[in-house]
N, C-alpha and C. Protein backbone atom coordinates (compact mmCIF):
# COMPACT_ATOMS: atom_id res chain seq x y z
N MET A 1 -37.85 -6.53 -45.69
CA MET A 1 -37.42 -5.68 -44.60
C MET A 1 -36.80 -4.43 -45.22
N ASN A 2 -37.28 -3.27 -44.78
CA ASN A 2 -36.76 -2.03 -45.35
C ASN A 2 -35.58 -1.52 -44.51
N GLU A 3 -34.96 -0.46 -45.04
CA GLU A 3 -33.76 0.12 -44.41
C GLU A 3 -34.05 0.64 -43.00
N GLU A 4 -35.22 1.21 -42.80
CA GLU A 4 -35.60 1.74 -41.49
C GLU A 4 -35.69 0.63 -40.45
N SER A 5 -36.25 -0.51 -40.83
CA SER A 5 -36.37 -1.66 -39.93
C SER A 5 -34.98 -2.19 -39.55
N VAL A 6 -34.08 -2.26 -40.51
CA VAL A 6 -32.72 -2.75 -40.26
C VAL A 6 -32.02 -1.81 -39.29
N GLU A 7 -32.20 -0.50 -39.47
CA GLU A 7 -31.58 0.47 -38.57
C GLU A 7 -32.11 0.34 -37.15
N ARG A 8 -33.44 0.13 -37.03
CA ARG A 8 -34.05 -0.05 -35.70
C ARG A 8 -33.50 -1.31 -35.03
N ILE A 9 -33.41 -2.40 -35.78
CA ILE A 9 -32.89 -3.66 -35.24
C ILE A 9 -31.42 -3.48 -34.83
N ALA A 10 -30.63 -2.81 -35.65
CA ALA A 10 -29.21 -2.57 -35.34
C ALA A 10 -29.07 -1.73 -34.08
N ALA A 11 -29.91 -0.70 -33.95
CA ALA A 11 -29.87 0.16 -32.76
C ALA A 11 -30.26 -0.64 -31.52
N GLU A 12 -31.28 -1.48 -31.64
CA GLU A 12 -31.72 -2.29 -30.50
C GLU A 12 -30.63 -3.31 -30.11
N LEU A 13 -29.99 -3.91 -31.10
CA LEU A 13 -28.88 -4.85 -30.83
C LEU A 13 -27.72 -4.13 -30.14
N ALA A 14 -27.40 -2.92 -30.55
CA ALA A 14 -26.34 -2.14 -29.92
C ALA A 14 -26.70 -1.82 -28.47
N ARG A 15 -27.98 -1.47 -28.23
CA ARG A 15 -28.44 -1.18 -26.87
C ARG A 15 -28.35 -2.43 -26.00
N LEU A 16 -28.76 -3.58 -26.53
CA LEU A 16 -28.69 -4.83 -25.78
C LEU A 16 -27.24 -5.24 -25.51
N ALA A 17 -26.36 -5.03 -26.47
CA ALA A 17 -24.94 -5.34 -26.28
C ALA A 17 -24.34 -4.48 -25.17
N GLU A 18 -24.71 -3.21 -25.13
CA GLU A 18 -24.23 -2.31 -24.08
C GLU A 18 -24.78 -2.72 -22.72
N ALA A 19 -26.04 -3.11 -22.67
CA ALA A 19 -26.64 -3.58 -21.42
C ALA A 19 -25.94 -4.85 -20.93
N LEU A 20 -25.63 -5.76 -21.84
CA LEU A 20 -24.92 -6.98 -21.49
C LEU A 20 -23.52 -6.66 -20.97
N ARG A 21 -22.83 -5.74 -21.61
CA ARG A 21 -21.50 -5.31 -21.16
C ARG A 21 -21.58 -4.74 -19.74
N ALA A 22 -22.60 -3.94 -19.48
CA ALA A 22 -22.78 -3.34 -18.16
C ALA A 22 -23.04 -4.41 -17.11
N LEU A 23 -23.79 -5.46 -17.47
CA LEU A 23 -24.04 -6.55 -16.53
C LEU A 23 -22.78 -7.33 -16.20
N ARG A 24 -21.87 -7.42 -17.16
CA ARG A 24 -20.62 -8.16 -16.95
C ARG A 24 -19.60 -7.37 -16.16
N GLN A 25 -19.79 -6.06 -16.04
CA GLN A 25 -18.85 -5.23 -15.27
C GLN A 25 -18.94 -5.61 -13.80
N PRO A 26 -17.81 -5.57 -13.08
CA PRO A 26 -17.87 -5.86 -11.65
C PRO A 26 -18.81 -4.87 -10.95
N ALA A 27 -19.38 -5.30 -9.85
CA ALA A 27 -20.35 -4.48 -9.13
C ALA A 27 -19.68 -3.40 -8.29
N LEU A 28 -18.40 -3.13 -8.52
CA LEU A 28 -17.67 -2.21 -7.67
C LEU A 28 -17.88 -0.74 -7.95
N PRO A 29 -18.16 -0.28 -9.15
CA PRO A 29 -18.19 1.16 -9.34
C PRO A 29 -18.97 1.94 -8.29
N ALA A 30 -20.10 1.44 -7.80
CA ALA A 30 -20.84 2.17 -6.77
C ALA A 30 -20.03 2.21 -5.48
N ALA A 31 -19.41 1.08 -5.11
CA ALA A 31 -18.57 1.05 -3.91
C ALA A 31 -17.35 1.94 -4.10
N ALA A 32 -16.78 1.89 -5.30
CA ALA A 32 -15.62 2.74 -5.58
C ALA A 32 -16.01 4.21 -5.48
N GLU A 33 -17.18 4.52 -5.94
CA GLU A 33 -17.65 5.90 -5.88
C GLU A 33 -17.85 6.35 -4.44
N SER A 34 -18.43 5.49 -3.60
CA SER A 34 -18.64 5.89 -2.21
C SER A 34 -17.31 6.05 -1.48
N LEU A 35 -16.33 5.20 -1.77
CA LEU A 35 -15.00 5.36 -1.17
C LEU A 35 -14.30 6.60 -1.71
N ALA A 36 -14.48 6.86 -2.98
CA ALA A 36 -13.85 8.04 -3.57
C ALA A 36 -14.36 9.31 -2.90
N HIS A 37 -15.61 9.31 -2.47
CA HIS A 37 -16.17 10.49 -1.78
C HIS A 37 -15.54 10.71 -0.41
N THR A 38 -15.02 9.64 0.21
CA THR A 38 -14.39 9.79 1.52
C THR A 38 -12.93 10.21 1.41
N ALA A 39 -12.36 10.10 0.21
CA ALA A 39 -10.95 10.45 0.01
C ALA A 39 -10.80 11.97 -0.10
N PRO A 40 -9.59 12.46 0.23
CA PRO A 40 -9.35 13.89 -0.01
C PRO A 40 -9.61 14.19 -1.49
N PRO A 41 -10.11 15.39 -1.81
CA PRO A 41 -10.50 15.70 -3.20
C PRO A 41 -9.40 15.42 -4.23
N ASP A 42 -8.14 15.66 -3.88
CA ASP A 42 -7.09 15.42 -4.86
C ASP A 42 -6.80 13.93 -5.06
N LEU A 43 -7.26 13.07 -4.13
CA LEU A 43 -7.04 11.63 -4.27
C LEU A 43 -8.25 10.88 -4.81
N ALA A 44 -9.42 11.50 -4.80
CA ALA A 44 -10.65 10.81 -5.20
C ALA A 44 -10.55 10.17 -6.59
N PRO A 45 -10.05 10.87 -7.61
CA PRO A 45 -9.95 10.22 -8.93
C PRO A 45 -9.02 9.00 -8.92
N LEU A 46 -7.93 9.08 -8.16
CA LEU A 46 -7.00 7.95 -8.08
C LEU A 46 -7.65 6.77 -7.37
N VAL A 47 -8.37 7.02 -6.29
CA VAL A 47 -9.06 5.95 -5.56
C VAL A 47 -10.09 5.29 -6.48
N ARG A 48 -10.87 6.10 -7.16
CA ARG A 48 -11.90 5.59 -8.07
C ARG A 48 -11.26 4.73 -9.17
N GLN A 49 -10.20 5.24 -9.79
CA GLN A 49 -9.55 4.53 -10.88
C GLN A 49 -8.91 3.23 -10.40
N THR A 50 -8.26 3.26 -9.25
CA THR A 50 -7.59 2.08 -8.72
C THR A 50 -8.59 0.99 -8.38
N LEU A 51 -9.66 1.34 -7.68
CA LEU A 51 -10.65 0.33 -7.29
C LEU A 51 -11.36 -0.24 -8.51
N THR A 52 -11.62 0.59 -9.50
CA THR A 52 -12.25 0.09 -10.71
C THR A 52 -11.32 -0.87 -11.44
N ALA A 53 -10.03 -0.54 -11.52
CA ALA A 53 -9.05 -1.44 -12.16
C ALA A 53 -8.94 -2.75 -11.39
N LEU A 54 -8.91 -2.69 -10.06
CA LEU A 54 -8.85 -3.92 -9.26
C LEU A 54 -10.09 -4.77 -9.49
N ALA A 55 -11.24 -4.13 -9.62
CA ALA A 55 -12.49 -4.87 -9.86
C ALA A 55 -12.42 -5.62 -11.19
N GLN A 56 -11.78 -5.02 -12.18
CA GLN A 56 -11.66 -5.69 -13.47
C GLN A 56 -10.70 -6.87 -13.39
N LEU A 57 -9.72 -6.81 -12.48
CA LEU A 57 -8.80 -7.93 -12.29
C LEU A 57 -9.43 -9.05 -11.46
N LEU A 58 -10.56 -8.77 -10.85
CA LEU A 58 -11.22 -9.73 -9.97
C LEU A 58 -12.66 -9.93 -10.44
N PRO A 59 -12.84 -10.71 -11.51
CA PRO A 59 -14.19 -10.86 -12.04
C PRO A 59 -15.10 -11.70 -11.14
N GLY A 60 -14.54 -12.60 -10.35
CA GLY A 60 -15.36 -13.44 -9.47
C GLY A 60 -15.18 -13.01 -8.03
N GLU A 61 -15.19 -13.99 -7.14
CA GLU A 61 -15.00 -13.71 -5.72
C GLU A 61 -13.52 -13.68 -5.40
N GLY A 62 -13.18 -13.07 -4.27
CA GLY A 62 -11.79 -13.05 -3.82
C GLY A 62 -11.35 -11.67 -3.40
N VAL A 63 -10.05 -11.55 -3.20
CA VAL A 63 -9.46 -10.30 -2.72
C VAL A 63 -8.28 -9.93 -3.62
N ARG A 64 -8.14 -8.65 -3.92
CA ARG A 64 -6.99 -8.10 -4.61
C ARG A 64 -6.61 -6.83 -3.87
N VAL A 65 -5.34 -6.65 -3.58
CA VAL A 65 -4.86 -5.47 -2.87
C VAL A 65 -3.69 -4.89 -3.66
N LEU A 66 -3.66 -3.58 -3.77
CA LEU A 66 -2.56 -2.89 -4.42
C LEU A 66 -2.04 -1.83 -3.46
N LEU A 67 -0.76 -1.93 -3.13
CA LEU A 67 -0.09 -0.93 -2.31
C LEU A 67 0.94 -0.26 -3.19
N ALA A 68 1.00 1.04 -3.15
CA ALA A 68 1.98 1.76 -3.96
C ALA A 68 2.50 2.94 -3.18
N GLY A 69 3.75 3.29 -3.44
CA GLY A 69 4.32 4.43 -2.73
C GLY A 69 5.40 5.12 -3.53
N LEU A 70 5.69 6.33 -3.13
CA LEU A 70 6.70 7.18 -3.76
C LEU A 70 7.41 7.93 -2.64
N HIS A 71 8.73 7.98 -2.74
CA HIS A 71 9.53 8.67 -1.71
C HIS A 71 10.51 9.60 -2.43
N ARG A 72 10.41 10.88 -2.14
CA ARG A 72 11.34 11.86 -2.72
C ARG A 72 12.20 12.43 -1.61
N ARG A 73 13.48 12.47 -1.84
CA ARG A 73 14.43 13.08 -0.92
C ARG A 73 15.49 13.74 -1.80
N GLY A 74 15.51 15.07 -1.77
CA GLY A 74 16.46 15.80 -2.61
C GLY A 74 16.17 15.53 -4.08
N ASP A 75 17.19 15.13 -4.81
CA ASP A 75 17.01 14.86 -6.25
C ASP A 75 16.76 13.37 -6.52
N ARG A 76 16.54 12.60 -5.48
CA ARG A 76 16.35 11.16 -5.63
C ARG A 76 14.88 10.79 -5.34
N THR A 77 14.30 10.03 -6.25
CA THR A 77 12.93 9.55 -6.08
C THR A 77 12.94 8.04 -6.19
N THR A 78 12.31 7.38 -5.23
CA THR A 78 12.14 5.93 -5.31
C THR A 78 10.65 5.64 -5.23
N SER A 79 10.27 4.56 -5.85
CA SER A 79 8.86 4.17 -5.81
C SER A 79 8.78 2.65 -5.67
N TRP A 80 7.63 2.19 -5.24
CA TRP A 80 7.41 0.76 -5.08
C TRP A 80 5.93 0.46 -5.19
N TYR A 81 5.64 -0.80 -5.46
CA TYR A 81 4.26 -1.25 -5.39
C TYR A 81 4.28 -2.72 -5.02
N GLN A 82 3.19 -3.18 -4.47
CA GLN A 82 3.00 -4.58 -4.15
C GLN A 82 1.57 -4.94 -4.50
N PHE A 83 1.42 -5.94 -5.34
CA PHE A 83 0.10 -6.45 -5.70
C PHE A 83 -0.08 -7.76 -4.97
N LEU A 84 -1.21 -7.96 -4.32
CA LEU A 84 -1.42 -9.15 -3.52
C LEU A 84 -2.79 -9.75 -3.81
N SER A 85 -2.79 -11.02 -4.14
CA SER A 85 -4.03 -11.77 -4.31
C SER A 85 -4.12 -12.76 -3.14
N GLU A 86 -5.20 -13.50 -3.09
CA GLU A 86 -5.33 -14.50 -2.03
C GLU A 86 -4.23 -15.56 -2.15
N LYS A 87 -3.88 -15.93 -3.37
CA LYS A 87 -2.80 -16.90 -3.58
C LYS A 87 -1.48 -16.33 -3.06
N ASP A 88 -1.21 -15.05 -3.36
CA ASP A 88 0.01 -14.40 -2.87
C ASP A 88 0.00 -14.35 -1.34
N ALA A 89 -1.16 -14.08 -0.76
CA ALA A 89 -1.28 -14.02 0.70
C ALA A 89 -0.97 -15.38 1.32
N GLN A 90 -1.46 -16.44 0.71
CA GLN A 90 -1.18 -17.79 1.21
C GLN A 90 0.32 -18.06 1.18
N GLU A 91 0.98 -17.65 0.10
CA GLU A 91 2.43 -17.84 0.00
C GLU A 91 3.17 -16.99 1.05
N ALA A 92 2.69 -15.77 1.28
CA ALA A 92 3.31 -14.89 2.27
C ALA A 92 3.24 -15.50 3.67
N LEU A 93 2.13 -16.17 3.97
CA LEU A 93 1.97 -16.80 5.28
C LEU A 93 2.93 -17.98 5.46
N GLN A 94 3.51 -18.45 4.37
CA GLN A 94 4.47 -19.55 4.44
C GLN A 94 5.92 -19.07 4.36
N ASN A 95 6.14 -17.75 4.30
CA ASN A 95 7.47 -17.18 4.12
C ASN A 95 8.08 -16.85 5.49
N PRO A 96 9.00 -17.68 5.97
CA PRO A 96 9.56 -17.45 7.31
C PRO A 96 10.30 -16.12 7.43
N ALA A 97 11.01 -15.71 6.38
CA ALA A 97 11.77 -14.45 6.46
C ALA A 97 10.82 -13.26 6.57
N GLY A 98 9.74 -13.28 5.82
CA GLY A 98 8.76 -12.20 5.88
C GLY A 98 8.07 -12.14 7.23
N LEU A 99 7.74 -13.29 7.78
CA LEU A 99 7.09 -13.33 9.09
C LEU A 99 8.03 -12.87 10.19
N ARG A 100 9.33 -13.21 10.06
CA ARG A 100 10.32 -12.72 11.05
C ARG A 100 10.42 -11.20 10.97
N ALA A 101 10.43 -10.65 9.75
CA ALA A 101 10.51 -9.19 9.58
C ALA A 101 9.27 -8.53 10.18
N LEU A 102 8.10 -9.14 10.02
CA LEU A 102 6.89 -8.59 10.61
C LEU A 102 6.99 -8.56 12.13
N THR A 103 7.48 -9.64 12.71
CA THR A 103 7.67 -9.69 14.16
C THR A 103 8.66 -8.63 14.60
N LEU A 104 9.70 -8.46 13.83
CA LEU A 104 10.73 -7.47 14.14
C LEU A 104 10.13 -6.05 14.12
N LEU A 105 9.26 -5.78 13.17
CA LEU A 105 8.68 -4.44 13.04
C LEU A 105 7.47 -4.22 13.96
N ALA A 106 7.09 -5.23 14.70
CA ALA A 106 5.95 -5.08 15.61
C ALA A 106 6.32 -4.31 16.87
N GLN A 107 7.52 -3.82 16.95
CA GLN A 107 7.98 -3.06 18.11
C GLN A 107 7.98 -1.57 17.79
N PRO A 108 7.27 -0.77 18.57
CA PRO A 108 7.17 0.67 18.29
C PRO A 108 8.53 1.37 18.23
N GLU A 109 9.49 0.91 19.02
CA GLU A 109 10.82 1.54 19.01
C GLU A 109 11.47 1.40 17.64
N ARG A 110 11.31 0.25 17.04
CA ARG A 110 11.90 0.03 15.71
C ARG A 110 11.17 0.85 14.66
N LEU A 111 9.87 0.96 14.78
CA LEU A 111 9.12 1.79 13.83
C LEU A 111 9.54 3.26 13.95
N ARG A 112 9.70 3.75 15.19
CA ARG A 112 10.12 5.15 15.37
C ARG A 112 11.53 5.36 14.83
N LEU A 113 12.42 4.41 15.04
CA LEU A 113 13.79 4.52 14.53
C LEU A 113 13.78 4.52 13.01
N LEU A 114 13.08 3.60 12.42
CA LEU A 114 13.00 3.53 10.96
C LEU A 114 12.37 4.79 10.39
N PHE A 115 11.36 5.32 11.06
CA PHE A 115 10.72 6.55 10.60
C PHE A 115 11.70 7.73 10.65
N ALA A 116 12.50 7.81 11.69
CA ALA A 116 13.51 8.88 11.78
C ALA A 116 14.46 8.79 10.59
N LEU A 117 14.86 7.58 10.23
CA LEU A 117 15.78 7.40 9.10
C LEU A 117 15.11 7.73 7.77
N VAL A 118 13.84 7.36 7.62
CA VAL A 118 13.11 7.68 6.39
C VAL A 118 12.98 9.19 6.21
N GLN A 119 12.89 9.92 7.31
CA GLN A 119 12.77 11.38 7.24
C GLN A 119 14.08 12.05 6.87
N GLY A 120 15.12 11.29 6.65
CA GLY A 120 16.37 11.86 6.18
C GLY A 120 17.46 11.93 7.22
N VAL A 121 17.18 11.55 8.45
CA VAL A 121 18.19 11.52 9.49
C VAL A 121 19.16 10.39 9.14
N GLN A 122 20.46 10.68 9.15
CA GLN A 122 21.43 9.64 8.83
C GLN A 122 22.41 9.39 9.96
N GLY A 123 22.69 10.39 10.72
CA GLY A 123 23.65 10.23 11.81
C GLY A 123 23.03 9.50 12.98
N ALA A 124 23.84 8.64 13.62
CA ALA A 124 23.34 7.83 14.72
C ALA A 124 22.85 8.70 15.88
N ALA A 125 23.58 9.74 16.24
CA ALA A 125 23.19 10.57 17.39
C ALA A 125 21.84 11.24 17.14
N GLU A 126 21.66 11.79 15.95
CA GLU A 126 20.40 12.47 15.63
C GLU A 126 19.24 11.47 15.55
N ALA A 127 19.49 10.30 14.95
CA ALA A 127 18.43 9.27 14.85
C ALA A 127 18.06 8.77 16.24
N MET A 128 19.05 8.64 17.10
CA MET A 128 18.80 8.20 18.47
C MET A 128 17.91 9.20 19.19
N GLU A 129 18.25 10.49 19.04
CA GLU A 129 17.47 11.54 19.69
C GLU A 129 16.06 11.61 19.12
N LYS A 130 15.95 11.59 17.80
CA LYS A 130 14.64 11.74 17.15
C LYS A 130 13.72 10.55 17.47
N SER A 131 14.29 9.36 17.65
CA SER A 131 13.48 8.18 17.94
C SER A 131 13.21 8.01 19.44
N GLY A 132 13.90 8.80 20.27
CA GLY A 132 13.67 8.74 21.71
C GLY A 132 14.25 7.51 22.37
N LEU A 133 15.27 6.92 21.77
CA LEU A 133 15.87 5.70 22.31
C LEU A 133 17.16 6.01 23.06
N THR A 134 17.46 5.19 24.04
CA THR A 134 18.76 5.30 24.71
C THR A 134 19.80 4.71 23.76
N GLN A 135 21.07 4.91 24.07
CA GLN A 135 22.12 4.40 23.19
C GLN A 135 22.05 2.88 23.07
N GLY A 136 21.85 2.19 24.18
CA GLY A 136 21.78 0.73 24.14
C GLY A 136 20.59 0.25 23.31
N GLN A 137 19.42 0.86 23.53
CA GLN A 137 18.23 0.51 22.76
C GLN A 137 18.43 0.80 21.27
N PHE A 138 19.01 1.97 21.01
CA PHE A 138 19.21 2.40 19.62
C PHE A 138 20.02 1.37 18.85
N TYR A 139 21.18 1.00 19.36
CA TYR A 139 22.05 0.08 18.62
C TYR A 139 21.46 -1.33 18.57
N HIS A 140 20.74 -1.73 19.60
CA HIS A 140 20.08 -3.03 19.59
C HIS A 140 19.05 -3.08 18.44
N HIS A 141 18.19 -2.08 18.38
CA HIS A 141 17.15 -2.05 17.34
C HIS A 141 17.74 -1.80 15.96
N LEU A 142 18.75 -0.97 15.89
CA LEU A 142 19.41 -0.69 14.61
C LEU A 142 20.01 -1.96 14.03
N ARG A 143 20.71 -2.74 14.86
CA ARG A 143 21.30 -4.00 14.38
C ARG A 143 20.22 -4.96 13.86
N ALA A 144 19.09 -5.02 14.55
CA ALA A 144 18.01 -5.90 14.12
C ALA A 144 17.45 -5.44 12.76
N LEU A 145 17.26 -4.13 12.60
CA LEU A 145 16.76 -3.60 11.32
C LEU A 145 17.76 -3.82 10.20
N GLU A 146 19.03 -3.68 10.52
CA GLU A 146 20.09 -3.90 9.54
C GLU A 146 20.15 -5.37 9.12
N ALA A 147 20.06 -6.27 10.09
CA ALA A 147 20.11 -7.71 9.79
C ALA A 147 18.94 -8.16 8.92
N ALA A 148 17.80 -7.49 9.08
CA ALA A 148 16.61 -7.83 8.28
C ALA A 148 16.64 -7.19 6.90
N GLY A 149 17.64 -6.34 6.62
CA GLY A 149 17.73 -5.70 5.31
C GLY A 149 16.84 -4.48 5.18
N LEU A 150 16.39 -3.92 6.30
CA LEU A 150 15.51 -2.75 6.26
C LEU A 150 16.28 -1.45 6.40
N VAL A 151 17.52 -1.54 6.87
CA VAL A 151 18.41 -0.39 7.04
C VAL A 151 19.79 -0.82 6.56
N ARG A 152 20.54 0.11 5.99
CA ARG A 152 21.93 -0.19 5.64
C ARG A 152 22.85 0.91 6.13
N LYS A 153 24.05 0.52 6.39
CA LYS A 153 25.06 1.46 6.89
C LYS A 153 25.68 2.19 5.72
N LEU A 154 25.80 3.52 5.85
CA LEU A 154 26.42 4.34 4.80
C LEU A 154 27.90 4.56 5.09
N GLY A 155 28.22 4.61 6.33
CA GLY A 155 29.59 4.89 6.76
C GLY A 155 29.61 4.92 8.28
N ARG A 156 30.65 5.47 8.82
CA ARG A 156 30.77 5.50 10.28
C ARG A 156 29.58 6.24 10.90
N ASP A 157 28.77 5.50 11.65
CA ASP A 157 27.60 6.03 12.35
C ASP A 157 26.61 6.78 11.45
N ARG A 158 26.51 6.35 10.20
CA ARG A 158 25.53 6.93 9.27
C ARG A 158 24.74 5.78 8.65
N TYR A 159 23.41 5.93 8.67
CA TYR A 159 22.52 4.85 8.23
C TYR A 159 21.41 5.42 7.36
N THR A 160 20.84 4.54 6.54
CA THR A 160 19.71 4.92 5.69
C THR A 160 18.78 3.72 5.55
N PRO A 161 17.49 3.98 5.41
CA PRO A 161 16.57 2.85 5.19
C PRO A 161 16.72 2.33 3.77
N THR A 162 16.50 1.06 3.59
CA THR A 162 16.45 0.49 2.24
C THR A 162 15.05 0.75 1.67
N LEU A 163 14.88 0.49 0.40
CA LEU A 163 13.56 0.62 -0.20
C LEU A 163 12.58 -0.32 0.50
N SER A 164 13.04 -1.53 0.81
CA SER A 164 12.17 -2.47 1.54
C SER A 164 11.80 -1.92 2.91
N GLY A 165 12.75 -1.28 3.57
CA GLY A 165 12.48 -0.70 4.88
C GLY A 165 11.45 0.41 4.80
N THR A 166 11.60 1.27 3.80
CA THR A 166 10.65 2.38 3.63
C THR A 166 9.26 1.87 3.29
N SER A 167 9.17 0.95 2.33
CA SER A 167 7.85 0.45 1.93
C SER A 167 7.20 -0.34 3.06
N ALA A 168 7.98 -1.15 3.79
CA ALA A 168 7.42 -1.92 4.91
C ALA A 168 6.91 -0.97 6.00
N LEU A 169 7.69 0.05 6.30
CA LEU A 169 7.29 1.00 7.35
C LEU A 169 5.96 1.66 7.01
N PHE A 170 5.84 2.21 5.81
CA PHE A 170 4.62 2.93 5.47
C PHE A 170 3.43 2.00 5.26
N THR A 171 3.67 0.78 4.82
CA THR A 171 2.59 -0.19 4.72
C THR A 171 2.06 -0.52 6.11
N LEU A 172 2.97 -0.76 7.05
CA LEU A 172 2.55 -1.05 8.42
C LEU A 172 1.87 0.16 9.08
N LEU A 173 2.41 1.34 8.84
CA LEU A 173 1.80 2.53 9.43
C LEU A 173 0.41 2.80 8.84
N ALA A 174 0.21 2.46 7.56
CA ALA A 174 -1.14 2.57 6.97
C ALA A 174 -2.09 1.62 7.68
N LEU A 175 -1.61 0.42 7.97
CA LEU A 175 -2.43 -0.55 8.70
C LEU A 175 -2.72 -0.05 10.11
N VAL A 176 -1.70 0.47 10.80
CA VAL A 176 -1.89 1.01 12.15
C VAL A 176 -2.94 2.13 12.12
N ASP A 177 -2.82 3.02 11.14
CA ASP A 177 -3.77 4.13 11.02
C ASP A 177 -5.19 3.60 10.78
N HIS A 178 -5.30 2.64 9.87
CA HIS A 178 -6.61 2.06 9.55
C HIS A 178 -7.23 1.40 10.78
N LEU A 179 -6.44 0.59 11.48
CA LEU A 179 -6.96 -0.10 12.66
C LEU A 179 -7.33 0.89 13.76
N GLY A 180 -6.54 1.94 13.92
CA GLY A 180 -6.84 2.96 14.92
C GLY A 180 -8.14 3.67 14.62
N ARG A 181 -8.36 4.00 13.35
CA ARG A 181 -9.61 4.68 12.97
C ARG A 181 -10.82 3.78 13.17
N GLU A 182 -10.66 2.49 12.81
CA GLU A 182 -11.75 1.54 13.00
C GLU A 182 -12.10 1.42 14.47
N ALA A 183 -11.07 1.36 15.33
CA ALA A 183 -11.31 1.23 16.78
C ALA A 183 -12.01 2.48 17.32
N GLU A 184 -11.61 3.66 16.83
CA GLU A 184 -12.25 4.90 17.27
C GLU A 184 -13.72 4.93 16.86
N GLU A 185 -14.01 4.48 15.65
CA GLU A 185 -15.40 4.49 15.17
C GLU A 185 -16.27 3.51 15.95
N GLU A 186 -15.69 2.37 16.34
CA GLU A 186 -16.46 1.37 17.08
C GLU A 186 -16.61 1.75 18.55
N GLY A 187 -15.60 2.45 19.10
CA GLY A 187 -15.60 2.77 20.53
C GLY A 187 -16.21 4.06 20.79
């Protein structure tokens, strides 16, 4: 066997190895690409990268979800993420505190109140006005959000959302937006 034959065999083996690697890759890149095209141009690379990374974490069947967020207010920045697999989802369905919080947030008045607080409103009077609640409704819903750990009191009639409150609010609002768009497309 001469040097030229060895080089041809090596090149063919490299080509076959690359083809095998491509076959082992998750089938998501095409789906990731089509979703990336629907994203705003500045988000398309992030959507593509995230879905491709999730596909690598899910070599077989199943579901993987990644939620991430960033909140800037003045000189303070907070961020969060939640990674969820089917196993995590099963555990979440068994978590009574989480299910109670979901029930608590299923009320539009509480979502509007929490949103007013996330926007930087801290005073009770301003939050009441911005959320469109009466005084009785405001304090009723505020106490419920506070008891669930989604809002905390800063001082006399001053409140702020917790990181859990902010992340829960935007996660739920993303779901509301998604479901609303799906309903519009079907209807």
